[in-house]
Amino acid sequence: MAKTKFLKIACPRCGKKQIVYGKSSSRVKCTNCNKLLIQPTGGKTKIRAEVKEVL
């Protein structure tokens, strides 16, 4: 079974929800307010948003 999962996160600024990959290799910004939500670190990502659900 895979150790990485998809995550449903909510932007701390505007509250918009997005689904992202747990080990994203690129930056992910909010599609509504353009705030940085995911920062790649070489392995796991640094999540700068509230995780609502693990899918």
PDB file of N, CA and C in Angstrom:
ATOM      1  N   MET A   1       0.838  -1.181   0.000  1.00  0.00           N
ATOM      2  CA  MET A   1       0.000   0.000   0.000  1.00  0.00           C
ATOM      3  C   MET A   1       0.881   1.242   0.000  1.00  0.00           C
ATOM      4  N   ALA A   2       0.482   2.243  -0.729  1.00  0.00           N
ATOM      5  CA  ALA A   2       1.261   3.471  -0.842  1.00  0.00           C
ATOM      6  C   ALA A   2       1.233   4.254   0.466  1.00  0.00           C
ATOM      7  N   LYS A   3       2.383   4.861   0.803  1.00  0.00           N
ATOM      8  CA  LYS A   3       2.468   5.653   2.027  1.00  0.00           C
ATOM      9  C   LYS A   3       2.003   7.081   1.805  1.00  0.00           C
ATOM     10  N   THR A   4       2.016   7.535   0.569  1.00  0.00           N
ATOM     11  CA  THR A   4       1.586   8.908   0.291  1.00  0.00           C
ATOM     12  C   THR A   4       0.114   8.919  -0.081  1.00  0.00           C
ATOM     13  N   LYS A   5      -0.510  10.014   0.220  1.00  0.00           N
ATOM     14  CA  LYS A   5      -1.942  10.113  -0.021  1.00  0.00           C
ATOM     15  C   LYS A   5      -2.282  11.475  -0.598  1.00  0.00           C
ATOM     16  N   PHE A   6      -3.487  11.577  -1.098  1.00  0.00           N
ATOM     17  CA  PHE A   6      -4.015  12.868  -1.508  1.00  0.00           C
ATOM     18  C   PHE A   6      -4.646  13.515  -0.282  1.00  0.00           C
ATOM     19  N   LEU A   7      -4.535  14.826  -0.195  1.00  0.00           N
ATOM     20  CA  LEU A   7      -5.049  15.567   0.949  1.00  0.00           C
ATOM     21  C   LEU A   7      -6.034  16.619   0.489  1.00  0.00           C
ATOM     22  N   LYS A   8      -7.099  16.794   1.244  1.00  0.00           N
ATOM     23  CA  LYS A   8      -8.015  17.907   1.005  1.00  0.00           C
ATOM     24  C   LYS A   8      -7.617  18.981   2.005  1.00  0.00           C
ATOM     25  N   ILE A   9      -7.178  20.136   1.494  1.00  0.00           N
ATOM     26  CA  ILE A   9      -6.713  21.214   2.357  1.00  0.00           C
ATOM     27  C   ILE A   9      -7.572  22.453   2.157  1.00  0.00           C
ATOM     28  N   ALA A  10      -7.569  23.313   3.165  1.00  0.00           N
ATOM     29  CA  ALA A  10      -8.323  24.569   3.100  1.00  0.00           C
ATOM     30  C   ALA A  10      -7.351  25.724   3.261  1.00  0.00           C
ATOM     31  N   CYS A  11      -7.482  26.722   2.423  1.00  0.00           N
ATOM     32  CA  CYS A  11      -6.641  27.908   2.484  1.00  0.00           C
ATOM     33  C   CYS A  11      -6.916  28.659   3.792  1.00  0.00           C
ATOM     34  N   PRO A  12      -5.863  29.035   4.533  1.00  0.00           N
ATOM     35  CA  PRO A  12      -6.099  29.756   5.790  1.00  0.00           C
ATOM     36  C   PRO A  12      -6.587  31.188   5.578  1.00  0.00           C
ATOM     37  N   ARG A  13      -6.354  31.738   4.397  1.00  0.00           N
ATOM     38  CA  ARG A  13      -6.758  33.122   4.127  1.00  0.00           C
ATOM     39  C   ARG A  13      -8.219  33.215   3.683  1.00  0.00           C
ATOM     40  N   CYS A  14      -8.616  32.406   2.690  1.00  0.00           N
ATOM     41  CA  CYS A  14      -9.971  32.548   2.131  1.00  0.00           C
ATOM     42  C   CYS A  14     -10.876  31.341   2.386  1.00  0.00           C
ATOM     43  N   GLY A  15     -10.309  30.196   2.814  1.00  0.00           N
ATOM     44  CA  GLY A  15     -11.116  29.027   3.139  1.00  0.00           C
ATOM     45  C   GLY A  15     -11.429  28.107   1.976  1.00  0.00           C
ATOM     46  N   LYS A  16     -10.968  28.427   0.764  1.00  0.00           N
ATOM     47  CA  LYS A  16     -11.225  27.576  -0.399  1.00  0.00           C
ATOM     48  C   LYS A  16     -10.536  26.228  -0.226  1.00  0.00           C
ATOM     49  N   LYS A  17     -11.242  25.151  -0.569  1.00  0.00           N
ATOM     50  CA  LYS A  17     -10.700  23.803  -0.425  1.00  0.00           C
ATOM     51  C   LYS A  17     -10.128  23.316  -1.751  1.00  0.00           C
ATOM     52  N   GLN A  18      -8.999  22.590  -1.657  1.00  0.00           N
ATOM     53  CA  GLN A  18      -8.347  22.000  -2.824  1.00  0.00           C
ATOM     54  C   GLN A  18      -7.866  20.608  -2.464  1.00  0.00           C
ATOM     55  N   ILE A  19      -7.700  19.770  -3.466  1.00  0.00           N
ATOM     56  CA  ILE A  19      -7.137  18.438  -3.278  1.00  0.00           C
ATOM     57  C   ILE A  19      -5.730  18.461  -3.861  1.00  0.00           C
ATOM     58  N   VAL A  20      -4.738  18.042  -3.038  1.00  0.00           N
ATOM     59  CA  VAL A  20      -3.339  18.056  -3.455  1.00  0.00           C
ATOM     60  C   VAL A  20      -2.698  16.721  -3.109  1.00  0.00           C
ATOM     61  N   TYR A  21      -1.552  16.444  -3.731  1.00  0.00           N
ATOM     62  CA  TYR A  21      -0.790  15.233  -3.472  1.00  0.00           C
ATOM     63  C   TYR A  21       0.124  15.459  -2.270  1.00  0.00           C
ATOM     64  N   GLY A  22       0.246  14.483  -1.406  1.00  0.00           N
ATOM     65  CA  GLY A  22       1.024  14.613  -0.177  1.00  0.00           C
ATOM     66  C   GLY A  22       2.509  14.830  -0.385  1.00  0.00           C
ATOM     67  N   LYS A  23       3.068  14.413  -1.527  1.00  0.00           N
ATOM     68  CA  LYS A  23       4.483  14.614  -1.822  1.00  0.00           C
ATOM     69  C   LYS A  23       4.638  15.411  -3.114  1.00  0.00           C
ATOM     70  N   SER A  24       3.972  16.511  -3.194  1.00  0.00           N
ATOM     71  CA  SER A  24       4.012  17.356  -4.381  1.00  0.00           C
ATOM     72  C   SER A  24       5.435  17.868  -4.627  1.00  0.00           C
ATOM     73  N   SER A  25       5.883  17.861  -5.874  1.00  0.00           N
ATOM     74  CA  SER A  25       7.227  18.326  -6.210  1.00  0.00           C
ATOM     75  C   SER A  25       7.228  19.760  -6.723  1.00  0.00           C
ATOM     76  N   SER A  26       6.080  20.408  -6.704  1.00  0.00           N
ATOM     77  CA  SER A  26       5.997  21.800  -7.141  1.00  0.00           C
ATOM     78  C   SER A  26       5.161  22.599  -6.141  1.00  0.00           C
ATOM     79  N   ARG A  27       5.347  23.912  -6.168  1.00  0.00           N
ATOM     80  CA  ARG A  27       4.581  24.775  -5.284  1.00  0.00           C
ATOM     81  C   ARG A  27       3.115  24.770  -5.690  1.00  0.00           C
ATOM     82  N   VAL A  28       2.238  24.821  -4.704  1.00  0.00           N
ATOM     83  CA  VAL A  28       0.806  24.887  -4.965  1.00  0.00           C
ATOM     84  C   VAL A  28       0.283  26.155  -4.305  1.00  0.00           C
ATOM     85  N   LYS A  29      -0.394  26.977  -5.092  1.00  0.00           N
ATOM     86  CA  LYS A  29      -0.989  28.201  -4.576  1.00  0.00           C
ATOM     87  C   LYS A  29      -2.500  28.080  -4.624  1.00  0.00           C
ATOM     88  N   CYS A  30      -3.153  28.846  -3.762  1.00  0.00           N
ATOM     89  CA  CYS A  30      -4.612  28.875  -3.739  1.00  0.00           C
ATOM     90  C   CYS A  30      -5.112  29.439  -5.068  1.00  0.00           C
ATOM     91  N   THR A  31      -6.109  28.802  -5.627  1.00  0.00           N
ATOM     92  CA  THR A  31      -6.636  29.264  -6.916  1.00  0.00           C
ATOM     93  C   THR A  31      -7.496  30.509  -6.770  1.00  0.00           C
ATOM     94  N   ASN A  32      -7.883  30.815  -5.541  1.00  0.00           N
ATOM     95  CA  ASN A  32      -8.742  31.965  -5.297  1.00  0.00           C
ATOM     96  C   ASN A  32      -7.938  33.217  -4.920  1.00  0.00           C
ATOM     97  N   CYS A  33      -7.053  33.101  -3.900  1.00  0.00           N
ATOM     98  CA  CYS A  33      -6.337  34.281  -3.399  1.00  0.00           C
ATOM     99  C   CYS A  33      -4.836  34.257  -3.663  1.00  0.00           C
ATOM    100  N   ASN A  34      -4.314  33.200  -4.279  1.00  0.00           N
ATOM    101  CA  ASN A  34      -2.915  33.084  -4.690  1.00  0.00           C
ATOM    102  C   ASN A  34      -1.943  32.924  -3.516  1.00  0.00           C
ATOM    103  N   LYS A  35      -2.400  32.514  -2.336  1.00  0.00           N
ATOM    104  CA  LYS A  35      -1.522  32.278  -1.196  1.00  0.00           C
ATOM    105  C   LYS A  35      -0.816  30.937  -1.376  1.00  0.00           C
ATOM    106  N   LEU A  36       0.469  30.871  -1.005  1.00  0.00           N
ATOM    107  CA  LEU A  36       1.233  29.638  -1.095  1.00  0.00           C
ATOM    108  C   LEU A  36       0.717  28.630  -0.070  1.00  0.00           C
ATOM    109  N   LEU A  37       0.317  27.443  -0.535  1.00  0.00           N
ATOM    110  CA  LEU A  37      -0.245  26.418   0.341  1.00  0.00           C
ATOM    111  C   LEU A  37       0.708  25.246   0.553  1.00  0.00           C
ATOM    112  N   ILE A  38       1.453  24.880  -0.488  1.00  0.00           N
ATOM    113  CA  ILE A  38       2.355  23.728  -0.437  1.00  0.00           C
ATOM    114  C   ILE A  38       3.747  24.162  -0.876  1.00  0.00           C
ATOM    115  N   GLN A  39       4.762  23.829  -0.055  1.00  0.00           N
ATOM    116  CA  GLN A  39       6.163  24.152  -0.364  1.00  0.00           C
ATOM    117  C   GLN A  39       6.929  22.834  -0.437  1.00  0.00           C
ATOM    118  N   PRO A  40       7.507  22.470  -1.599  1.00  0.00           N
ATOM    119  CA  PRO A  40       8.272  21.230  -1.677  1.00  0.00           C
ATOM    120  C   PRO A  40       9.586  21.353  -0.907  1.00  0.00           C
ATOM    121  N   THR A  41      10.017  20.260  -0.260  1.00  0.00           N
ATOM    122  CA  THR A  41      11.247  20.287   0.537  1.00  0.00           C
ATOM    123  C   THR A  41      12.238  19.206   0.122  1.00  0.00           C
ATOM    124  N   GLY A  42      11.963  18.485  -0.941  1.00  0.00           N
ATOM    125  CA  GLY A  42      12.847  17.415  -1.382  1.00  0.00           C
ATOM    126  C   GLY A  42      12.290  16.033  -1.070  1.00  0.00           C
ATOM    127  N   GLY A  43      11.494  15.904  -0.044  1.00  0.00           N
ATOM    128  CA  GLY A  43      10.845  14.646   0.322  1.00  0.00           C
ATOM    129  C   GLY A  43       9.368  14.919   0.476  1.00  0.00           C
ATOM    130  N   LYS A  44       8.940  14.954   1.715  1.00  0.00           N
ATOM    131  CA  LYS A  44       7.557  15.352   1.982  1.00  0.00           C
ATOM    132  C   LYS A  44       7.427  16.853   1.799  1.00  0.00           C
ATOM    133  N   THR A  45       6.215  17.302   1.655  1.00  0.00           N
ATOM    134  CA  THR A  45       5.991  18.726   1.432  1.00  0.00           C
ATOM    135  C   THR A  45       5.701  19.432   2.748  1.00  0.00           C
ATOM    136  N   LYS A  46       5.984  20.719   2.787  1.00  0.00           N
ATOM    137  CA  LYS A  46       5.613  21.544   3.936  1.00  0.00           C
ATOM    138  C   LYS A  46       4.243  22.117   3.633  1.00  0.00           C
ATOM    139  N   ILE A  47       3.267  21.769   4.441  1.00  0.00           N
ATOM    140  CA  ILE A  47       1.883  22.180   4.214  1.00  0.00           C
ATOM    141  C   ILE A  47       1.606  23.428   5.044  1.00  0.00           C
ATOM    142  N   ARG A  48       1.216  24.490   4.370  1.00  0.00           N
ATOM    143  CA  ARG A  48       0.931  25.766   5.030  1.00  0.00           C
ATOM    144  C   ARG A  48      -0.566  26.048   5.041  1.00  0.00           C
ATOM    145  N   ALA A  49      -1.354  25.008   5.083  1.00  0.00           N
ATOM    146  CA  ALA A  49      -2.809  25.117   5.085  1.00  0.00           C
ATOM    147  C   ALA A  49      -3.368  24.085   6.051  1.00  0.00           C
ATOM    148  N   GLU A  50      -4.633  24.193   6.342  1.00  0.00           N
ATOM    149  CA  GLU A  50      -5.287  23.252   7.246  1.00  0.00           C
ATOM    150  C   GLU A  50      -5.705  22.001   6.475  1.00  0.00           C
ATOM    151  N   VAL A  51      -5.275  20.834   6.946  1.00  0.00           N
ATOM    152  CA  VAL A  51      -5.654  19.572   6.322  1.00  0.00           C
ATOM    153  C   VAL A  51      -7.049  19.211   6.819  1.00  0.00           C
ATOM    154  N   LYS A  52      -8.001  19.135   5.905  1.00  0.00           N
ATOM    155  CA  LYS A  52      -9.380  18.820   6.244  1.00  0.00           C
ATOM    156  C   LYS A  52      -9.647  17.319   6.228  1.00  0.00           C
ATOM    157  N   GLU A  53      -9.001  16.613   5.269  1.00  0.00           N
ATOM    158  CA  GLU A  53      -9.293  15.191   5.099  1.00  0.00           C
ATOM    159  C   GLU A  53      -8.146  14.524   4.363  1.00  0.00           C
ATOM    160  N   VAL A  54      -7.863  13.271   4.716  1.00  0.00           N
ATOM    161  CA  VAL A  54      -6.895  12.444   3.992  1.00  0.00           C
ATOM    162  C   VAL A  54      -7.689  11.500   3.112  1.00  0.00           C
ATOM    163  N   LEU A  55      -7.442  11.547   1.797  1.00  0.00           N
ATOM    164  CA  LEU A  55      -8.227  10.753   0.852  1.00  0.00           C
ATOM    165  C   LEU A  55      -7.518   9.462   0.464  1.00  0.00           C
TER     166      LEU A  55
END
